[in-house]
Amino acid sequence: MPALLDMGALRNRAVVGELAALYRELVPVPAGPAPSVASPAGDGTGAGVRERLLGVDDAERARFLDELVRRHVADVLGHASPSAVEPRRGLLDMGLDSLSAVELRNRLGAATGLRLSTTLVFDYPTPVAIAGHLLDRLAEELRSAALSPLDALEAAFEEISGDEESRSRTKARLEALLSRLTTKGGAGDPDVPAGFPGELDAVADEDLFEFIDSDLD
């Protein structure tokens, strides 16, 4: 079909190795080494994505992953902005072919650190469906990461296992904590010991470590 293309913009993408597969036969890749640039697809570990998702609720996670998917779809299809990608429109209807589908899968895999199926865009044919799939895949890892302060607390128990006084004091404070978690008591709950930093899932690691240190010293 006839289309007006910004050949300058496409050549710039070709220079840095970001040209979508759809346009590679139209724009030759310039000879010589490409300049060093950070890959928009991520470092392959997904550490940045996990860090971003860990401190937010499910709704914000869904919004973040939706934007991530639309951004990479836009890059693969040569759009200037993710706003050009309709979240509920079929990817194949947007012009994604088999080569660009593989490129999209690779980009999302590198961005999230997930091993994604080669049939990703056929199993999840819209951007919003892919974002939902990524959220489901990452959910268990995020739950495990959220438990890391509890893991640190459990390790601290080993250090006081032989100290009866510390064990009794810690047991009393943990019982108060359990009461708070099960009754959802407020800051003025008389069962909550003074100095406790707040709800466990909202406590930063360093605050919990400080709490542990102050109680077990």
N, C-alpha and C. Protein backbone atom coordinates (compact mmCIF):
# COMPACT_ATOMS: atom_id res chain seq x y z
N MET A 1 0.84 -1.19 0.00
CA MET A 1 0.00 0.00 0.00
C MET A 1 0.89 1.25 0.00
N PRO A 2 0.46 2.29 -0.67
CA PRO A 2 1.24 3.54 -0.65
C PRO A 2 1.26 4.13 0.74
N ALA A 3 2.42 4.59 1.18
CA ALA A 3 2.54 5.17 2.52
C ALA A 3 3.66 6.19 2.52
N LEU A 4 3.46 7.26 3.26
CA LEU A 4 4.47 8.30 3.41
C LEU A 4 5.35 7.95 4.60
N LEU A 5 6.65 7.71 4.34
CA LEU A 5 7.58 7.31 5.40
C LEU A 5 8.61 8.40 5.63
N ASP A 6 9.01 8.53 6.88
CA ASP A 6 10.10 9.44 7.24
C ASP A 6 11.40 8.65 7.10
N MET A 7 12.01 8.72 5.93
CA MET A 7 13.19 7.91 5.66
C MET A 7 14.37 8.31 6.54
N GLY A 8 14.44 9.59 6.89
CA GLY A 8 15.52 10.04 7.76
C GLY A 8 15.44 9.38 9.13
N ALA A 9 14.23 9.33 9.67
CA ALA A 9 14.03 8.71 10.98
C ALA A 9 14.32 7.22 10.92
N LEU A 10 13.92 6.58 9.82
CA LEU A 10 14.18 5.15 9.68
C LEU A 10 15.68 4.87 9.55
N ARG A 11 16.40 5.75 8.83
CA ARG A 11 17.85 5.56 8.70
C ARG A 11 18.53 5.74 10.05
N ASN A 12 18.04 6.71 10.86
CA ASN A 12 18.62 6.90 12.19
C ASN A 12 18.43 5.67 13.06
N ARG A 13 17.27 5.03 12.96
CA ARG A 13 17.04 3.81 13.72
C ARG A 13 17.94 2.68 13.22
N ALA A 14 18.16 2.65 11.90
CA ALA A 14 19.02 1.62 11.34
C ALA A 14 20.45 1.78 11.84
N VAL A 15 20.90 3.01 11.99
CA VAL A 15 22.27 3.28 12.44
C VAL A 15 22.51 2.71 13.82
N VAL A 16 21.54 2.84 14.73
CA VAL A 16 21.73 2.37 16.10
C VAL A 16 21.18 0.97 16.33
N GLY A 17 20.77 0.30 15.24
CA GLY A 17 20.32 -1.08 15.36
C GLY A 17 18.93 -1.24 15.91
N GLU A 18 18.08 -0.22 15.78
CA GLU A 18 16.73 -0.28 16.33
C GLU A 18 15.65 -0.31 15.26
N LEU A 19 16.04 -0.54 14.01
CA LEU A 19 15.07 -0.52 12.92
C LEU A 19 14.16 -1.75 13.01
N ALA A 20 12.84 -1.52 12.96
CA ALA A 20 11.89 -2.62 13.02
C ALA A 20 12.04 -3.53 11.81
N ALA A 21 11.77 -4.81 12.02
CA ALA A 21 11.94 -5.79 10.94
C ALA A 21 11.11 -5.43 9.71
N LEU A 22 9.97 -4.79 9.93
CA LEU A 22 9.07 -4.44 8.84
C LEU A 22 9.73 -3.56 7.79
N TYR A 23 10.74 -2.75 8.22
CA TYR A 23 11.33 -1.76 7.31
C TYR A 23 12.74 -2.12 6.86
N ARG A 24 13.24 -3.27 7.25
CA ARG A 24 14.65 -3.57 6.98
C ARG A 24 14.97 -3.72 5.50
N GLU A 25 13.99 -4.13 4.70
CA GLU A 25 14.24 -4.26 3.27
C GLU A 25 14.14 -2.90 2.57
N LEU A 26 13.54 -1.93 3.22
CA LEU A 26 13.39 -0.61 2.62
C LEU A 26 14.57 0.30 2.94
N VAL A 27 15.18 0.09 4.10
CA VAL A 27 16.26 0.97 4.55
C VAL A 27 17.52 0.13 4.78
N PRO A 28 18.53 0.28 3.95
CA PRO A 28 19.77 -0.48 4.15
C PRO A 28 20.47 -0.03 5.42
N VAL A 29 21.06 -0.99 6.12
CA VAL A 29 21.82 -0.68 7.33
C VAL A 29 23.16 -0.10 6.93
N PRO A 30 23.53 1.08 7.42
CA PRO A 30 24.80 1.70 7.04
C PRO A 30 25.98 0.84 7.43
N ALA A 31 27.04 0.93 6.64
CA ALA A 31 28.26 0.18 6.92
C ALA A 31 28.98 0.81 8.11
N GLY A 32 29.81 0.01 8.78
CA GLY A 32 30.59 0.52 9.90
C GLY A 32 29.94 0.22 11.21
N PRO A 33 30.68 0.34 12.31
CA PRO A 33 30.14 0.02 13.62
C PRO A 33 29.09 1.02 14.06
N ALA A 34 28.08 0.52 14.74
CA ALA A 34 27.02 1.39 15.26
C ALA A 34 27.50 2.05 16.53
N PRO A 35 27.03 3.26 16.80
CA PRO A 35 27.42 3.91 18.04
C PRO A 35 26.93 3.14 19.25
N SER A 36 27.63 3.29 20.36
CA SER A 36 27.26 2.59 21.58
C SER A 36 26.08 3.28 22.22
N VAL A 37 24.98 2.56 22.38
CA VAL A 37 23.78 3.09 23.01
C VAL A 37 23.21 2.02 23.91
N ALA A 38 22.46 2.45 24.88
CA ALA A 38 21.79 1.50 25.78
C ALA A 38 20.63 0.86 25.05
N SER A 39 20.50 -0.45 25.17
CA SER A 39 19.42 -1.16 24.50
C SER A 39 18.08 -0.81 25.12
N PRO A 40 17.07 -0.44 24.28
CA PRO A 40 15.77 -0.12 24.84
C PRO A 40 15.05 -1.35 25.34
N ALA A 41 15.58 -2.54 24.97
CA ALA A 41 14.89 -3.76 25.36
C ALA A 41 15.25 -4.22 26.76
N GLY A 42 16.23 -3.60 27.40
CA GLY A 42 16.59 -4.00 28.76
C GLY A 42 17.89 -4.77 28.77
N ASP A 43 18.31 -5.16 29.98
CA ASP A 43 19.60 -5.82 30.14
C ASP A 43 19.49 -7.34 30.11
N GLY A 44 18.30 -7.87 29.91
CA GLY A 44 18.12 -9.31 29.84
C GLY A 44 17.77 -9.95 31.18
N THR A 45 17.91 -9.23 32.28
CA THR A 45 17.61 -9.79 33.59
C THR A 45 16.24 -9.38 34.11
N GLY A 46 15.72 -8.27 33.61
CA GLY A 46 14.43 -7.78 34.10
C GLY A 46 14.49 -7.15 35.46
N ALA A 47 15.72 -6.88 35.97
CA ALA A 47 15.85 -6.34 37.32
C ALA A 47 15.15 -5.00 37.46
N GLY A 48 15.28 -4.13 36.47
CA GLY A 48 14.64 -2.82 36.54
C GLY A 48 13.13 -2.91 36.58
N VAL A 49 12.57 -3.81 35.79
CA VAL A 49 11.11 -3.99 35.76
C VAL A 49 10.62 -4.53 37.10
N ARG A 50 11.31 -5.52 37.64
CA ARG A 50 10.90 -6.09 38.92
C ARG A 50 10.98 -5.05 40.04
N GLU A 51 12.03 -4.26 40.04
CA GLU A 51 12.18 -3.22 41.06
C GLU A 51 11.04 -2.21 40.96
N ARG A 52 10.67 -1.86 39.73
CA ARG A 52 9.59 -0.89 39.52
C ARG A 52 8.25 -1.45 39.98
N LEU A 53 8.03 -2.75 39.77
CA LEU A 53 6.74 -3.35 40.09
C LEU A 53 6.59 -3.72 41.56
N LEU A 54 7.71 -3.91 42.25
CA LEU A 54 7.65 -4.43 43.61
C LEU A 54 6.96 -3.48 44.57
N GLY A 55 7.15 -2.17 44.38
CA GLY A 55 6.62 -1.23 45.35
C GLY A 55 5.26 -0.64 45.01
N VAL A 56 4.53 -1.23 44.05
CA VAL A 56 3.24 -0.66 43.65
C VAL A 56 2.15 -1.72 43.71
N ASP A 57 0.89 -1.26 43.63
CA ASP A 57 -0.23 -2.20 43.69
C ASP A 57 -0.50 -2.82 42.32
N ASP A 58 -1.46 -3.75 42.28
CA ASP A 58 -1.74 -4.49 41.05
C ASP A 58 -2.18 -3.59 39.91
N ALA A 59 -2.97 -2.57 40.22
CA ALA A 59 -3.46 -1.67 39.17
C ALA A 59 -2.30 -0.92 38.52
N GLU A 60 -1.36 -0.45 39.34
CA GLU A 60 -0.21 0.27 38.81
C GLU A 60 0.71 -0.68 38.04
N ARG A 61 0.82 -1.91 38.50
CA ARG A 61 1.61 -2.91 37.77
C ARG A 61 1.03 -3.14 36.38
N ALA A 62 -0.30 -3.25 36.32
CA ALA A 62 -0.95 -3.47 35.03
C ALA A 62 -0.72 -2.29 34.09
N ARG A 63 -0.81 -1.07 34.63
CA ARG A 63 -0.58 0.13 33.80
C ARG A 63 0.86 0.18 33.30
N PHE A 64 1.79 -0.14 34.18
CA PHE A 64 3.20 -0.10 33.80
C PHE A 64 3.50 -1.11 32.70
N LEU A 65 3.00 -2.35 32.84
CA LEU A 65 3.28 -3.38 31.84
C LEU A 65 2.55 -3.09 30.53
N ASP A 66 1.37 -2.50 30.62
CA ASP A 66 0.66 -2.11 29.40
C ASP A 66 1.48 -1.08 28.61
N GLU A 67 2.03 -0.10 29.32
CA GLU A 67 2.87 0.90 28.67
C GLU A 67 4.15 0.28 28.11
N LEU A 68 4.73 -0.65 28.86
CA LEU A 68 5.95 -1.33 28.40
C LEU A 68 5.70 -2.08 27.11
N VAL A 69 4.61 -2.84 27.05
CA VAL A 69 4.30 -3.61 25.85
C VAL A 69 4.01 -2.68 24.67
N ARG A 70 3.21 -1.64 24.89
CA ARG A 70 2.87 -0.72 23.80
C ARG A 70 4.11 0.01 23.28
N ARG A 71 5.05 0.33 24.20
CA ARG A 71 6.28 1.00 23.77
C ARG A 71 7.10 0.11 22.85
N HIS A 72 7.21 -1.17 23.20
CA HIS A 72 7.99 -2.07 22.36
C HIS A 72 7.27 -2.42 21.07
N VAL A 73 5.94 -2.51 21.12
CA VAL A 73 5.19 -2.71 19.87
C VAL A 73 5.40 -1.52 18.94
N ALA A 74 5.35 -0.32 19.50
CA ALA A 74 5.56 0.89 18.69
C ALA A 74 6.96 0.88 18.07
N ASP A 75 7.97 0.50 18.84
CA ASP A 75 9.32 0.45 18.30
C ASP A 75 9.44 -0.56 17.17
N VAL A 76 8.86 -1.73 17.35
CA VAL A 76 8.95 -2.79 16.34
C VAL A 76 8.23 -2.38 15.06
N LEU A 77 7.11 -1.69 15.21
CA LEU A 77 6.34 -1.29 14.03
C LEU A 77 6.77 0.05 13.45
N GLY A 78 7.72 0.71 14.12
CA GLY A 78 8.22 1.97 13.60
C GLY A 78 7.38 3.18 13.93
N HIS A 79 6.51 3.07 14.94
CA HIS A 79 5.71 4.22 15.36
C HIS A 79 6.54 5.13 16.26
N ALA A 80 6.23 6.42 16.22
CA ALA A 80 7.01 7.38 17.00
C ALA A 80 6.64 7.35 18.47
N SER A 81 5.43 6.87 18.81
CA SER A 81 4.96 6.93 20.19
C SER A 81 4.09 5.73 20.51
N PRO A 82 4.11 5.25 21.77
CA PRO A 82 3.21 4.16 22.17
C PRO A 82 1.73 4.52 22.02
N SER A 83 1.43 5.81 21.99
CA SER A 83 0.03 6.22 21.84
C SER A 83 -0.55 5.79 20.50
N ALA A 84 0.31 5.47 19.55
CA ALA A 84 -0.17 5.01 18.24
C ALA A 84 -0.62 3.55 18.28
N VAL A 85 -0.35 2.87 19.38
CA VAL A 85 -0.69 1.45 19.52
C VAL A 85 -1.96 1.31 20.35
N GLU A 86 -3.00 0.76 19.74
CA GLU A 86 -4.25 0.54 20.45
C GLU A 86 -4.13 -0.73 21.29
N PRO A 87 -4.35 -0.64 22.61
CA PRO A 87 -4.08 -1.78 23.49
C PRO A 87 -4.93 -3.01 23.21
N ARG A 88 -6.13 -2.83 22.65
CA ARG A 88 -7.02 -3.98 22.43
C ARG A 88 -7.14 -4.36 20.95
N ARG A 89 -6.32 -3.77 20.13
CA ARG A 89 -6.34 -4.12 18.71
C ARG A 89 -5.37 -5.26 18.45
N GLY A 90 -5.74 -6.15 17.53
CA GLY A 90 -4.89 -7.29 17.22
C GLY A 90 -3.54 -6.85 16.66
N LEU A 91 -2.48 -7.49 17.13
CA LEU A 91 -1.14 -7.14 16.66
C LEU A 91 -0.94 -7.44 15.19
N LEU A 92 -1.52 -8.54 14.72
CA LEU A 92 -1.40 -8.88 13.31
C LEU A 92 -2.15 -7.86 12.45
N ASP A 93 -3.25 -7.34 12.96
CA ASP A 93 -4.00 -6.31 12.24
C ASP A 93 -3.20 -5.01 12.15
N MET A 94 -2.29 -4.79 13.11
CA MET A 94 -1.46 -3.59 13.10
C MET A 94 -0.29 -3.70 12.13
N GLY A 95 -0.06 -4.89 11.61
CA GLY A 95 1.03 -5.05 10.65
C GLY A 95 2.18 -5.91 11.14
N LEU A 96 2.05 -6.51 12.31
CA LEU A 96 3.09 -7.39 12.81
C LEU A 96 3.15 -8.65 11.96
N ASP A 97 4.35 -9.01 11.50
CA ASP A 97 4.52 -10.25 10.76
C ASP A 97 5.36 -11.22 11.58
N SER A 98 5.73 -12.35 10.99
CA SER A 98 6.43 -13.38 11.75
C SER A 98 7.78 -12.89 12.26
N LEU A 99 8.50 -12.12 11.46
CA LEU A 99 9.81 -11.62 11.88
C LEU A 99 9.68 -10.59 13.00
N SER A 100 8.76 -9.66 12.83
CA SER A 100 8.59 -8.64 13.86
C SER A 100 7.97 -9.22 15.13
N ALA A 101 7.21 -10.32 14.98
CA ALA A 101 6.67 -11.00 16.17
C ALA A 101 7.80 -11.58 17.01
N VAL A 102 8.79 -12.16 16.33
CA VAL A 102 9.95 -12.70 17.04
C VAL A 102 10.73 -11.57 17.70
N GLU A 103 10.89 -10.45 16.98
CA GLU A 103 11.60 -9.31 17.54
C GLU A 103 10.89 -8.79 18.79
N LEU A 104 9.56 -8.70 18.74
CA LEU A 104 8.80 -8.23 19.89
C LEU A 104 8.98 -9.19 21.07
N ARG A 105 8.89 -10.49 20.80
CA ARG A 105 9.08 -11.48 21.86
C ARG A 105 10.45 -11.33 22.51
N ASN A 106 11.49 -11.15 21.68
CA ASN A 106 12.84 -11.01 22.20
C ASN A 106 13.00 -9.74 23.04
N ARG A 107 12.41 -8.65 22.57
CA ARG A 107 12.50 -7.38 23.31
C ARG A 107 11.82 -7.50 24.68
N LEU A 108 10.63 -8.07 24.70
CA LEU A 108 9.90 -8.19 25.96
C LEU A 108 10.60 -9.17 26.90
N GLY A 109 11.18 -10.21 26.34
CA GLY A 109 11.92 -11.15 27.16
C GLY A 109 13.13 -10.50 27.80
N ALA A 110 13.84 -9.67 27.02
CA ALA A 110 15.01 -8.98 27.56
C ALA A 110 14.60 -7.94 28.60
N ALA A 111 13.47 -7.27 28.37
CA ALA A 111 13.03 -6.23 29.30
C ALA A 111 12.58 -6.80 30.63
N THR A 112 11.94 -7.98 30.60
CA THR A 112 11.37 -8.55 31.83
C THR A 112 12.21 -9.66 32.43
N GLY A 113 13.16 -10.20 31.66
CA GLY A 113 13.94 -11.33 32.15
C GLY A 113 13.19 -12.64 32.08
N LEU A 114 12.02 -12.66 31.42
CA LEU A 114 11.22 -13.87 31.30
C LEU A 114 11.57 -14.63 30.02
N ARG A 115 11.46 -15.93 30.09
CA ARG A 115 11.61 -16.76 28.89
C ARG A 115 10.22 -16.91 28.27
N LEU A 116 10.01 -16.24 27.15
CA LEU A 116 8.69 -16.17 26.53
C LEU A 116 8.58 -17.12 25.35
N SER A 117 7.38 -17.61 25.13
CA SER A 117 7.13 -18.56 24.04
C SER A 117 7.29 -17.90 22.68
N THR A 118 7.73 -18.68 21.70
CA THR A 118 7.84 -18.17 20.33
C THR A 118 6.48 -17.86 19.73
N THR A 119 5.43 -18.42 20.32
CA THR A 119 4.07 -18.17 19.83
C THR A 119 3.36 -17.09 20.66
N LEU A 120 4.13 -16.24 21.32
CA LEU A 120 3.56 -15.24 22.23
C LEU A 120 2.45 -14.43 21.59
N VAL A 121 2.70 -13.86 20.41
CA VAL A 121 1.72 -12.95 19.82
C VAL A 121 0.51 -13.68 19.26
N PHE A 122 0.62 -15.00 19.08
CA PHE A 122 -0.53 -15.76 18.63
C PHE A 122 -1.37 -16.24 19.82
N ASP A 123 -0.69 -16.54 20.92
CA ASP A 123 -1.40 -16.94 22.13
C ASP A 123 -2.04 -15.74 22.82
N TYR A 124 -1.41 -14.59 22.70
CA TYR A 124 -1.90 -13.34 23.33
C TYR A 124 -1.87 -12.26 22.25
N PRO A 125 -2.91 -12.18 21.45
CA PRO A 125 -2.86 -11.42 20.19
C PRO A 125 -3.01 -9.91 20.29
N THR A 126 -3.20 -9.36 21.49
CA THR A 126 -3.31 -7.91 21.64
C THR A 126 -2.30 -7.43 22.68
N PRO A 127 -1.93 -6.15 22.63
CA PRO A 127 -1.00 -5.63 23.65
C PRO A 127 -1.49 -5.83 25.07
N VAL A 128 -2.79 -5.62 25.32
CA VAL A 128 -3.29 -5.76 26.69
C VAL A 128 -3.26 -7.22 27.13
N ALA A 129 -3.46 -8.15 26.19
CA ALA A 129 -3.38 -9.57 26.55
C ALA A 129 -1.95 -9.96 26.90
N ILE A 130 -0.98 -9.44 26.15
CA ILE A 130 0.42 -9.73 26.47
C ILE A 130 0.79 -9.14 27.82
N ALA A 131 0.36 -7.91 28.09
CA ALA A 131 0.65 -7.28 29.38
C ALA A 131 0.07 -8.11 30.53
N GLY A 132 -1.14 -8.64 30.36
CA GLY A 132 -1.73 -9.48 31.38
C GLY A 132 -0.95 -10.76 31.59
N HIS A 133 -0.46 -11.33 30.50
CA HIS A 133 0.36 -12.54 30.59
C HIS A 133 1.66 -12.27 31.33
N LEU A 134 2.30 -11.15 31.03
CA LEU A 134 3.54 -10.79 31.73
C LEU A 134 3.29 -10.60 33.22
N LEU A 135 2.17 -9.96 33.56
CA LEU A 135 1.84 -9.74 34.96
C LEU A 135 1.64 -11.07 35.69
N ASP A 136 0.95 -12.00 35.04
CA ASP A 136 0.74 -13.31 35.64
C ASP A 136 2.07 -14.03 35.86
N ARG A 137 2.96 -13.94 34.87
CA ARG A 137 4.26 -14.62 34.97
C ARG A 137 5.13 -14.02 36.07
N LEU A 138 5.02 -12.71 36.26
CA LEU A 138 5.87 -12.03 37.24
C LEU A 138 5.29 -12.06 38.65
N ALA A 139 3.99 -12.36 38.77
CA ALA A 139 3.31 -12.24 40.06
C ALA A 139 3.96 -13.09 41.14
N GLU A 140 4.27 -14.35 40.84
CA GLU A 140 4.84 -15.24 41.85
C GLU A 140 6.21 -14.74 42.30
N GLU A 141 7.02 -14.26 41.35
CA GLU A 141 8.34 -13.73 41.71
C GLU A 141 8.20 -12.49 42.59
N LEU A 142 7.22 -11.65 42.29
CA LEU A 142 7.02 -10.45 43.10
C LEU A 142 6.56 -10.81 44.50
N ARG A 143 5.73 -11.83 44.62
CA ARG A 143 5.29 -12.26 45.95
C ARG A 143 6.48 -12.79 46.75
N SER A 144 7.36 -13.53 46.08
CA SER A 144 8.54 -14.07 46.76
C SER A 144 9.46 -12.94 47.20
N ALA A 145 9.63 -11.95 46.35
CA ALA A 145 10.51 -10.83 46.69
C ALA A 145 9.94 -10.04 47.87
N ALA A 146 8.61 -9.95 47.95
CA ALA A 146 8.00 -9.21 49.05
C ALA A 146 8.22 -9.90 50.38
N LEU A 147 8.52 -11.19 50.36
CA LEU A 147 8.75 -11.93 51.59
C LEU A 147 10.18 -11.83 52.09
N SER A 148 11.06 -11.15 51.35
CA SER A 148 12.47 -11.11 51.74
C SER A 148 12.69 -10.56 53.14
N PRO A 149 11.95 -9.54 53.63
CA PRO A 149 12.14 -9.11 55.02
C PRO A 149 11.82 -10.22 56.02
N LEU A 150 10.81 -11.06 55.70
CA LEU A 150 10.50 -12.18 56.59
C LEU A 150 11.64 -13.20 56.59
N ASP A 151 12.27 -13.38 55.43
CA ASP A 151 13.41 -14.29 55.37
C ASP A 151 14.53 -13.79 56.27
N ALA A 152 14.75 -12.46 56.26
CA ALA A 152 15.79 -11.88 57.11
C ALA A 152 15.43 -12.06 58.59
N LEU A 153 14.14 -11.93 58.90
CA LEU A 153 13.70 -12.10 60.28
C LEU A 153 13.91 -13.55 60.73
N GLU A 154 13.60 -14.47 59.84
CA GLU A 154 13.79 -15.88 60.17
C GLU A 154 15.26 -16.20 60.42
N ALA A 155 16.13 -15.60 59.61
CA ALA A 155 17.56 -15.82 59.81
C ALA A 155 18.02 -15.26 61.15
N ALA A 156 17.40 -14.13 61.56
CA ALA A 156 17.76 -13.53 62.84
C ALA A 156 17.39 -14.43 64.00
N PHE A 157 16.34 -15.26 63.83
CA PHE A 157 15.94 -16.17 64.89
C PHE A 157 17.07 -17.13 65.25
N GLU A 158 17.84 -17.53 64.24
CA GLU A 158 18.91 -18.48 64.48
C GLU A 158 19.95 -17.90 65.43
N GLU A 159 20.11 -16.57 65.40
CA GLU A 159 21.12 -15.94 66.24
C GLU A 159 20.71 -15.88 67.71
N ILE A 160 19.41 -15.98 67.99
CA ILE A 160 18.95 -15.86 69.38
C ILE A 160 18.42 -17.18 69.92
N SER A 161 18.59 -18.25 69.14
CA SER A 161 17.98 -19.53 69.53
C SER A 161 18.44 -20.00 70.90
N GLY A 162 19.65 -19.62 71.31
CA GLY A 162 20.16 -20.08 72.60
C GLY A 162 20.01 -19.08 73.72
N ASP A 163 19.40 -17.97 73.45
CA ASP A 163 19.25 -16.91 74.47
C ASP A 163 17.79 -16.84 74.89
N GLU A 164 17.48 -17.41 76.06
CA GLU A 164 16.10 -17.52 76.51
C GLU A 164 15.44 -16.16 76.67
N GLU A 165 16.17 -15.18 77.22
CA GLU A 165 15.59 -13.86 77.44
C GLU A 165 15.23 -13.18 76.11
N SER A 166 16.14 -13.25 75.15
CA SER A 166 15.87 -12.65 73.84
C SER A 166 14.73 -13.37 73.16
N ARG A 167 14.66 -14.66 73.30
CA ARG A 167 13.57 -15.43 72.67
C ARG A 167 12.23 -15.01 73.25
N SER A 168 12.15 -14.84 74.57
CA SER A 168 10.89 -14.45 75.21
C SER A 168 10.46 -13.06 74.78
N ARG A 169 11.43 -12.13 74.73
CA ARG A 169 11.11 -10.76 74.33
C ARG A 169 10.66 -10.70 72.87
N THR A 170 11.36 -11.45 72.02
CA THR A 170 11.00 -11.46 70.60
C THR A 170 9.64 -12.11 70.40
N LYS A 171 9.36 -13.20 71.15
CA LYS A 171 8.08 -13.88 71.03
C LYS A 171 6.93 -12.93 71.36
N ALA A 172 7.11 -12.15 72.42
CA ALA A 172 6.05 -11.22 72.81
C ALA A 172 5.79 -10.17 71.73
N ARG A 173 6.86 -9.68 71.15
CA ARG A 173 6.68 -8.65 70.10
C ARG A 173 6.08 -9.25 68.84
N LEU A 174 6.45 -10.46 68.50
CA LEU A 174 5.89 -11.10 67.31
C LEU A 174 4.41 -11.43 67.51
N GLU A 175 4.03 -11.79 68.71
CA GLU A 175 2.62 -12.03 68.99
C GLU A 175 1.81 -10.74 68.84
N ALA A 176 2.41 -9.63 69.26
CA ALA A 176 1.74 -8.34 69.09
C ALA A 176 1.63 -7.99 67.61
N LEU A 177 2.68 -8.31 66.87
CA LEU A 177 2.65 -8.07 65.42
C LEU A 177 1.59 -8.92 64.75
N LEU A 178 1.52 -10.19 65.12
CA LEU A 178 0.51 -11.08 64.55
C LEU A 178 -0.89 -10.58 64.85
N SER A 179 -1.10 -10.07 66.05
CA SER A 179 -2.40 -9.51 66.41
C SER A 179 -2.74 -8.33 65.52
N ARG A 180 -1.75 -7.49 65.25
CA ARG A 180 -1.98 -6.32 64.40
C ARG A 180 -2.35 -6.75 62.99
N LEU A 181 -1.65 -7.75 62.46
CA LEU A 181 -1.90 -8.20 61.08
C LEU A 181 -3.26 -8.86 60.94
N THR A 182 -3.71 -9.57 61.98
CA THR A 182 -4.98 -10.29 61.87
C THR A 182 -6.18 -9.43 62.21
N THR A 183 -5.98 -8.39 63.04
CA THR A 183 -7.11 -7.52 63.41
C THR A 183 -7.09 -6.20 62.68
N LYS A 184 -5.98 -5.94 61.92
CA LYS A 184 -5.82 -4.68 61.20
C LYS A 184 -5.98 -3.50 62.15
N GLY A 185 -5.35 -3.60 63.32
CA GLY A 185 -5.44 -2.52 64.29
C GLY A 185 -4.74 -1.28 63.80
N GLY A 186 -5.15 -0.12 64.28
CA GLY A 186 -4.56 1.13 63.87
C GLY A 186 -3.32 1.44 64.67
N ALA A 187 -2.77 2.66 64.45
CA ALA A 187 -1.55 3.06 65.12
C ALA A 187 -1.73 3.13 66.62
N GLY A 188 -2.98 3.31 67.06
CA GLY A 188 -3.21 3.42 68.48
C GLY A 188 -3.57 2.10 69.14
N ASP A 189 -3.44 0.99 68.44
CA ASP A 189 -3.75 -0.32 68.99
C ASP A 189 -2.87 -0.59 70.20
N PRO A 190 -3.45 -0.85 71.38
CA PRO A 190 -2.65 -1.03 72.58
C PRO A 190 -1.79 -2.28 72.53
N ASP A 191 -2.10 -3.24 71.63
CA ASP A 191 -1.30 -4.46 71.55
C ASP A 191 -0.04 -4.27 70.73
N VAL A 192 0.07 -3.15 70.04
CA VAL A 192 1.23 -2.93 69.17
C VAL A 192 2.34 -2.27 69.96
N PRO A 193 3.53 -2.87 70.00
CA PRO A 193 4.62 -2.29 70.78
C PRO A 193 5.07 -0.96 70.20
N ALA A 194 5.49 -0.05 71.09
CA ALA A 194 5.99 1.25 70.65
C ALA A 194 7.22 1.06 69.79
N GLY A 195 7.31 1.85 68.74
CA GLY A 195 8.49 1.79 67.88
C GLY A 195 8.34 0.85 66.71
N PHE A 196 7.22 0.07 66.66
CA PHE A 196 7.05 -0.81 65.51
C PHE A 196 6.80 0.03 64.28
N PRO A 197 7.50 -0.26 63.14
CA PRO A 197 7.47 0.64 62.00
C PRO A 197 6.20 0.66 61.18
N GLY A 198 5.24 -0.25 61.35
CA GLY A 198 4.01 -0.17 60.57
C GLY A 198 3.66 -1.52 59.97
N GLU A 199 2.70 -1.53 59.03
CA GLU A 199 2.29 -2.77 58.38
C GLU A 199 3.49 -3.39 57.66
N LEU A 200 3.62 -4.71 57.74
CA LEU A 200 4.81 -5.38 57.25
C LEU A 200 5.03 -5.19 55.76
N ASP A 201 3.94 -5.25 54.97
CA ASP A 201 4.13 -5.15 53.53
C ASP A 201 4.45 -3.73 53.08
N ALA A 202 4.36 -2.77 54.00
CA ALA A 202 4.69 -1.38 53.64
C ALA A 202 6.02 -0.95 54.23
N VAL A 203 6.70 -1.87 54.93
CA VAL A 203 7.94 -1.52 55.60
C VAL A 203 9.12 -1.76 54.68
N ALA A 204 9.98 -0.76 54.55
CA ALA A 204 11.20 -0.93 53.76
C ALA A 204 12.14 -1.89 54.46
N ASP A 205 12.98 -2.58 53.68
CA ASP A 205 13.90 -3.56 54.25
C ASP A 205 14.77 -2.95 55.34
N GLU A 206 15.30 -1.73 55.08
CA GLU A 206 16.21 -1.15 56.07
C GLU A 206 15.49 -0.84 57.39
N ASP A 207 14.19 -0.47 57.31
CA ASP A 207 13.43 -0.20 58.54
C ASP A 207 13.20 -1.48 59.34
N LEU A 208 12.92 -2.57 58.62
CA LEU A 208 12.72 -3.83 59.31
C LEU A 208 14.01 -4.31 59.96
N PHE A 209 15.14 -4.15 59.25
CA PHE A 209 16.42 -4.56 59.81
C PHE A 209 16.73 -3.73 61.07
N GLU A 210 16.40 -2.44 61.03
CA GLU A 210 16.63 -1.59 62.20
C GLU A 210 15.77 -2.05 63.36
N PHE A 211 14.52 -2.40 63.05
CA PHE A 211 13.60 -2.91 64.08
C PHE A 211 14.15 -4.18 64.71
N ILE A 212 14.65 -5.10 63.85
CA ILE A 212 15.20 -6.37 64.34
C ILE A 212 16.42 -6.10 65.22
N ASP A 213 17.31 -5.24 64.72
CA ASP A 213 18.56 -4.96 65.47
C ASP A 213 18.25 -4.35 66.82
N SER A 214 17.31 -3.39 66.86
CA SER A 214 17.02 -2.70 68.12
C SER A 214 16.40 -3.64 69.13
N ASP A 215 15.68 -4.64 68.65
CA ASP A 215 15.00 -5.54 69.58
C ASP A 215 15.89 -6.69 70.03
N LEU A 216 16.81 -7.11 69.15
CA LEU A 216 17.61 -8.28 69.46
C LEU A 216 18.97 -7.94 70.06
N ASP A 217 19.34 -6.68 70.07
CA ASP A 217 20.64 -6.30 70.66
C ASP A 217 20.64 -6.56 72.18
